[in-house]
Structures are given as C-alpha cells and as structure tokens.
Amino acid sequence: MFKITPPKNSIVERTRFYKDDKEVNLGVLWKWGYTLFTEKPDFLRDYDPNIGVILGEQYEFDGGDYSDGDEVCFYTHNVTSEDLDEVKEIFHNMSGDEYYGEEEPEWSWDDPTTVMFGELEVREVENCFD
C-alpha cells in the first residue's frame, strides 16, 4: 500500500456548480490529509507539483473535519453576489453530491472532486496508521 501526502494546505475538495453561462467552483482547502493507493500510482511518473492531480472517485483522502479547512471559491465574471449566496446555500446543505435543502435549486452540479498539488511524499506502508 502507498500513502501519498501533499504539503500542508495542498488538498482541495471542490464542487463545480453551473447554471446557464455561469459557473462557480466552491470547496474546501484542507490543511492536511493523505490518500492511500493499493499500488504505486501511474500519475507519479509525469506528476507536476505546480499543476497537481485530480484524484478519481475511486480514491478518497483522509483529512480533517470541515473546521480544519478554509472555504475556496472561484467563479466566472458574470456571477453575481446573489448567485454566490445561492450556491453557498446549496453547498452548505450537501453531503457528497446529495442535496438536503428544502427547495429544489436552480443550479446543477458535478460530483465533488479532490485535487492534490505540491511536492508529494510517497511512502510504502503496511496500513493507514504508518
């Protein structure tokens, strides 16, 4: 098993929201975390720490709870402050890709993705506690 740990503040879990020609990427910049792979991942061969890598949904990272991360938000130029409020309301009423709010939102979204970047520490381990 391989444990891959990026530097502090180098894991982003984000969700892309979209409506008409507007797009908002909203997520959490985790202060710490790691991911486990059963085999040494192929992406390491061509990995660029300035670009990072999007982890497929088959890989999960172990990070802190929400209070350990900072909210990050990127959006297109035509997104209004009202749009941002709507998207943040949706985001804060989600678990994974499931929405638990009262009203059906006008925005659509993709499944959350996790991005790691920076110089990665790669160690072969027996279990996640190593």
C-alpha atoms as a PDB file:
ATOM      1  CA  MET A   1       0.000   0.000   0.000  1.00  0.00           C
ATOM      2  CA  PHE A   2       1.257   3.527  -0.773  1.00  0.00           C
ATOM      3  CA  LYS A   3       0.478   6.579   1.327  1.00  0.00           C
ATOM      4  CA  ILE A   4       0.701   9.867  -0.560  1.00  0.00           C
ATOM      5  CA  THR A   5       0.810  13.054   1.469  1.00  0.00           C
ATOM      6  CA  PRO A   6       0.966  16.532  -0.080  1.00  0.00           C
ATOM      7  CA  PRO A   7       2.308  19.566   1.793  1.00  0.00           C
ATOM      8  CA  LYS A   8       0.095  21.403   4.277  1.00  0.00           C
ATOM      9  CA  ASN A   9      -2.740  23.318   2.564  1.00  0.00           C
ATOM     10  CA  SER A  10      -2.358  21.357  -0.706  1.00  0.00           C
ATOM     11  CA  ILE A  11      -5.607  19.385  -0.972  1.00  0.00           C
ATOM     12  CA  VAL A  12      -8.755  20.961  -2.372  1.00  0.00           C
ATOM     13  CA  GLU A  13     -12.106  19.191  -2.399  1.00  0.00           C
ATOM     14  CA  ARG A  14     -14.409  21.133  -4.698  1.00  0.00           C
ATOM     15  CA  THR A  15     -17.750  21.003  -6.448  1.00  0.00           C
ATOM     16  CA  ARG A  16     -18.500  22.697  -9.765  1.00  0.00           C
ATOM     17  CA  PHE A  17     -21.907  24.422  -9.905  1.00  0.00           C
ATOM     18  CA  TYR A  18     -23.369  25.718 -13.151  1.00  0.00           C
ATOM     19  CA  LYS A  19     -26.460  27.490 -14.465  1.00  0.00           C
ATOM     20  CA  ASP A  20     -26.886  28.972 -17.955  1.00  0.00           C
ATOM     21  CA  ASP A  21     -23.485  30.505 -18.804  1.00  0.00           C
ATOM     22  CA  LYS A  22     -22.403  30.872 -15.155  1.00  0.00           C
ATOM     23  CA  GLU A  23     -20.001  28.638 -13.248  1.00  0.00           C
ATOM     24  CA  VAL A  24     -18.870  28.527  -9.622  1.00  0.00           C
ATOM     25  CA  ASN A  25     -16.238  26.190  -8.153  1.00  0.00           C
ATOM     26  CA  LEU A  26     -16.707  26.032  -4.407  1.00  0.00           C
ATOM     27  CA  GLY A  27     -14.893  23.830  -1.961  1.00  0.00           C
ATOM     28  CA  VAL A  28     -12.555  23.373   0.962  1.00  0.00           C
ATOM     29  CA  LEU A  29      -8.793  23.831   1.099  1.00  0.00           C
ATOM     30  CA  TRP A  30      -7.772  21.197   3.627  1.00  0.00           C
ATOM     31  CA  LYS A  31      -4.888  21.974   5.953  1.00  0.00           C
ATOM     32  CA  TRP A  32      -3.710  18.353   5.969  1.00  0.00           C
ATOM     33  CA  GLY A  33      -4.537  14.939   4.610  1.00  0.00           C
ATOM     34  CA  TYR A  34      -3.332  11.949   2.639  1.00  0.00           C
ATOM     35  CA  THR A  35      -4.608   9.298   0.272  1.00  0.00           C
ATOM     36  CA  LEU A  36      -3.887   5.572   0.070  1.00  0.00           C
ATOM     37  CA  PHE A  37      -3.269   3.533  -3.062  1.00  0.00           C
ATOM     38  CA  THR A  38      -3.049  -0.247  -3.218  1.00  0.00           C
ATOM     39  CA  GLU A  39      -0.339   0.061  -5.913  1.00  0.00           C
ATOM     40  CA  LYS A  40       2.120   2.820  -6.730  1.00  0.00           C
ATOM     41  CA  PRO A  41       0.053   5.195  -8.900  1.00  0.00           C
ATOM     42  CA  ASP A  42       0.993   5.749 -12.540  1.00  0.00           C
ATOM     43  CA  PHE A  43       0.452   9.517 -12.363  1.00  0.00           C
ATOM     44  CA  LEU A  44       3.647   9.930 -10.298  1.00  0.00           C
ATOM     45  CA  ARG A  45       5.757   9.379 -13.423  1.00  0.00           C
ATOM     46  CA  ASP A  46       4.510  12.601 -15.083  1.00  0.00           C
ATOM     47  CA  TYR A  47       3.354  14.496 -11.995  1.00  0.00           C
ATOM     48  CA  ASP A  48       3.940  18.277 -11.999  1.00  0.00           C
ATOM     49  CA  PRO A  49       3.657  19.760  -8.474  1.00  0.00           C
ATOM     50  CA  ASN A  50       2.656  23.145  -9.941  1.00  0.00           C
ATOM     51  CA  ILE A  51      -0.378  21.614 -11.655  1.00  0.00           C
ATOM     52  CA  GLY A  52      -1.319  18.798  -9.281  1.00  0.00           C
ATOM     53  CA  VAL A  53      -3.596  15.859  -9.931  1.00  0.00           C
ATOM     54  CA  ILE A  54      -7.335  15.255  -9.705  1.00  0.00           C
ATOM     55  CA  LEU A  55      -7.996  12.081  -7.765  1.00  0.00           C
ATOM     56  CA  GLY A  56     -10.570   9.784  -9.357  1.00  0.00           C
ATOM     57  CA  GLU A  57     -13.657   8.991  -7.336  1.00  0.00           C
ATOM     58  CA  GLN A  58     -12.209   5.563  -6.508  1.00  0.00           C
ATOM     59  CA  TYR A  59      -9.620   7.325  -4.323  1.00  0.00           C
ATOM     60  CA  GLU A  60     -10.547   9.070  -1.144  1.00  0.00           C
ATOM     61  CA  PHE A  61      -8.379  11.221   1.029  1.00  0.00           C
ATOM     62  CA  ASP A  62      -8.388  11.324   4.779  1.00  0.00           C
ATOM     63  CA  GLY A  63      -8.391  14.888   6.041  1.00  0.00           C
ATOM     64  CA  GLY A  64      -9.648  16.871   8.958  1.00  0.00           C
ATOM     65  CA  ASP A  65     -13.233  17.784   9.601  1.00  0.00           C
ATOM     66  CA  TYR A  66     -14.762  20.823   7.896  1.00  0.00           C
ATOM     67  CA  SER A  67     -13.467  23.155  10.612  1.00  0.00           C
ATOM     68  CA  ASP A  68      -9.907  22.184   9.616  1.00  0.00           C
ATOM     69  CA  GLY A  69     -10.297  23.631   6.124  1.00  0.00           C
ATOM     70  CA  ASP A  70     -10.797  27.037   4.550  1.00  0.00           C
ATOM     71  CA  GLU A  71     -13.534  27.682   2.004  1.00  0.00           C
ATOM     72  CA  VAL A  72     -12.304  28.440  -1.520  1.00  0.00           C
ATOM     73  CA  CYS A  73     -14.414  29.880  -4.309  1.00  0.00           C
ATOM     74  CA  PHE A  74     -13.685  30.605  -7.987  1.00  0.00           C
ATOM     75  CA  TYR A  75     -16.321  31.823 -10.426  1.00  0.00           C
ATOM     76  CA  THR A  76     -16.906  33.304 -13.859  1.00  0.00           C
ATOM     77  CA  HIS A  77     -17.085  37.074 -14.319  1.00  0.00           C
ATOM     78  CA  ASN A  78     -20.873  37.103 -14.744  1.00  0.00           C
ATOM     79  CA  VAL A  79     -21.711  35.531 -11.364  1.00  0.00           C
ATOM     80  CA  THR A  80     -23.485  37.989  -9.068  1.00  0.00           C
ATOM     81  CA  SER A  81     -23.300  38.185  -5.276  1.00  0.00           C
ATOM     82  CA  GLU A  82     -26.849  36.762  -5.192  1.00  0.00           C
ATOM     83  CA  ASP A  83     -25.664  33.813  -7.305  1.00  0.00           C
ATOM     84  CA  LEU A  84     -22.805  33.209  -4.856  1.00  0.00           C
ATOM     85  CA  ASP A  85     -25.218  33.284  -1.920  1.00  0.00           C
ATOM     86  CA  GLU A  86     -27.444  30.705  -3.671  1.00  0.00           C
ATOM     87  CA  VAL A  87     -24.522  28.397  -4.456  1.00  0.00           C
ATOM     88  CA  LYS A  88     -23.111  28.649  -0.928  1.00  0.00           C
ATOM     89  CA  GLU A  89     -26.547  27.799   0.474  1.00  0.00           C
ATOM     90  CA  ILE A  90     -26.645  24.678  -1.729  1.00  0.00           C
ATOM     91  CA  PHE A  91     -23.043  23.774  -0.842  1.00  0.00           C
ATOM     92  CA  HIS A  92     -23.677  24.012   2.891  1.00  0.00           C
ATOM     93  CA  ASN A  93     -26.748  21.770   2.552  1.00  0.00           C
ATOM     94  CA  MET A  94     -24.881  18.977   0.762  1.00  0.00           C
ATOM     95  CA  SER A  95     -23.165  15.795   1.819  1.00  0.00           C
ATOM     96  CA  GLY A  96     -21.017  14.441  -1.005  1.00  0.00           C
ATOM     97  CA  ASP A  97     -23.195  15.025  -4.059  1.00  0.00           C
ATOM     98  CA  GLU A  98     -26.528  14.745  -2.162  1.00  0.00           C
ATOM     99  CA  TYR A  99     -28.520  17.924  -1.532  1.00  0.00           C
ATOM    100  CA  TYR A 100     -30.612  18.156   1.648  1.00  0.00           C
ATOM    101  CA  GLY A 101     -32.133  21.628   1.312  1.00  0.00           C
ATOM    102  CA  GLU A 102     -35.838  22.383   1.354  1.00  0.00           C
ATOM    103  CA  GLU A 103     -36.272  23.782  -2.178  1.00  0.00           C
ATOM    104  CA  GLU A 104     -35.061  22.327  -5.472  1.00  0.00           C
ATOM    105  CA  PRO A 105     -32.125  24.554  -6.531  1.00  0.00           C
ATOM    106  CA  GLU A 106     -31.878  26.178  -9.965  1.00  0.00           C
ATOM    107  CA  TRP A 107     -28.178  25.332 -10.130  1.00  0.00           C
ATOM    108  CA  SER A 108     -26.791  21.991 -11.279  1.00  0.00           C
ATOM    109  CA  TRP A 109     -23.542  20.485 -10.033  1.00  0.00           C
ATOM    110  CA  ASP A 110     -20.974  17.796 -10.704  1.00  0.00           C
ATOM    111  CA  ASP A 111     -19.798  15.221  -8.193  1.00  0.00           C
ATOM    112  CA  PRO A 112     -17.140  16.651  -5.877  1.00  0.00           C
ATOM    113  CA  THR A 113     -13.524  16.199  -6.959  1.00  0.00           C
ATOM    114  CA  THR A 114     -10.338  16.201  -4.938  1.00  0.00           C
ATOM    115  CA  VAL A 115      -7.162  17.878  -6.192  1.00  0.00           C
ATOM    116  CA  MET A 116      -3.699  17.403  -4.655  1.00  0.00           C
ATOM    117  CA  PHE A 117      -0.765  19.612  -5.589  1.00  0.00           C
ATOM    118  CA  GLY A 118       2.747  20.448  -4.420  1.00  0.00           C
ATOM    119  CA  GLU A 119       5.667  18.129  -3.713  1.00  0.00           C
ATOM    120  CA  LEU A 120       4.212  14.780  -2.677  1.00  0.00           C
ATOM    121  CA  GLU A 121       5.628  12.470  -0.043  1.00  0.00           C
ATOM    122  CA  VAL A 122       5.206   8.868  -1.213  1.00  0.00           C
ATOM    123  CA  ARG A 123       5.762   6.051   1.287  1.00  0.00           C
ATOM    124  CA  GLU A 124       5.104   2.347   1.141  1.00  0.00           C
ATOM    125  CA  VAL A 125       3.123   1.448   4.299  1.00  0.00           C
ATOM    126  CA  GLU A 126       1.516  -1.578   5.891  1.00  0.00           C
ATOM    127  CA  ASN A 127      -1.668   0.324   6.869  1.00  0.00           C
ATOM    128  CA  CYS A 128      -3.024   3.850   7.097  1.00  0.00           C
ATOM    129  CA  PHE A 129      -1.609   4.342  10.595  1.00  0.00           C
ATOM    130  CA  ASP A 130       2.011   4.109   9.384  1.00  0.00           C
END
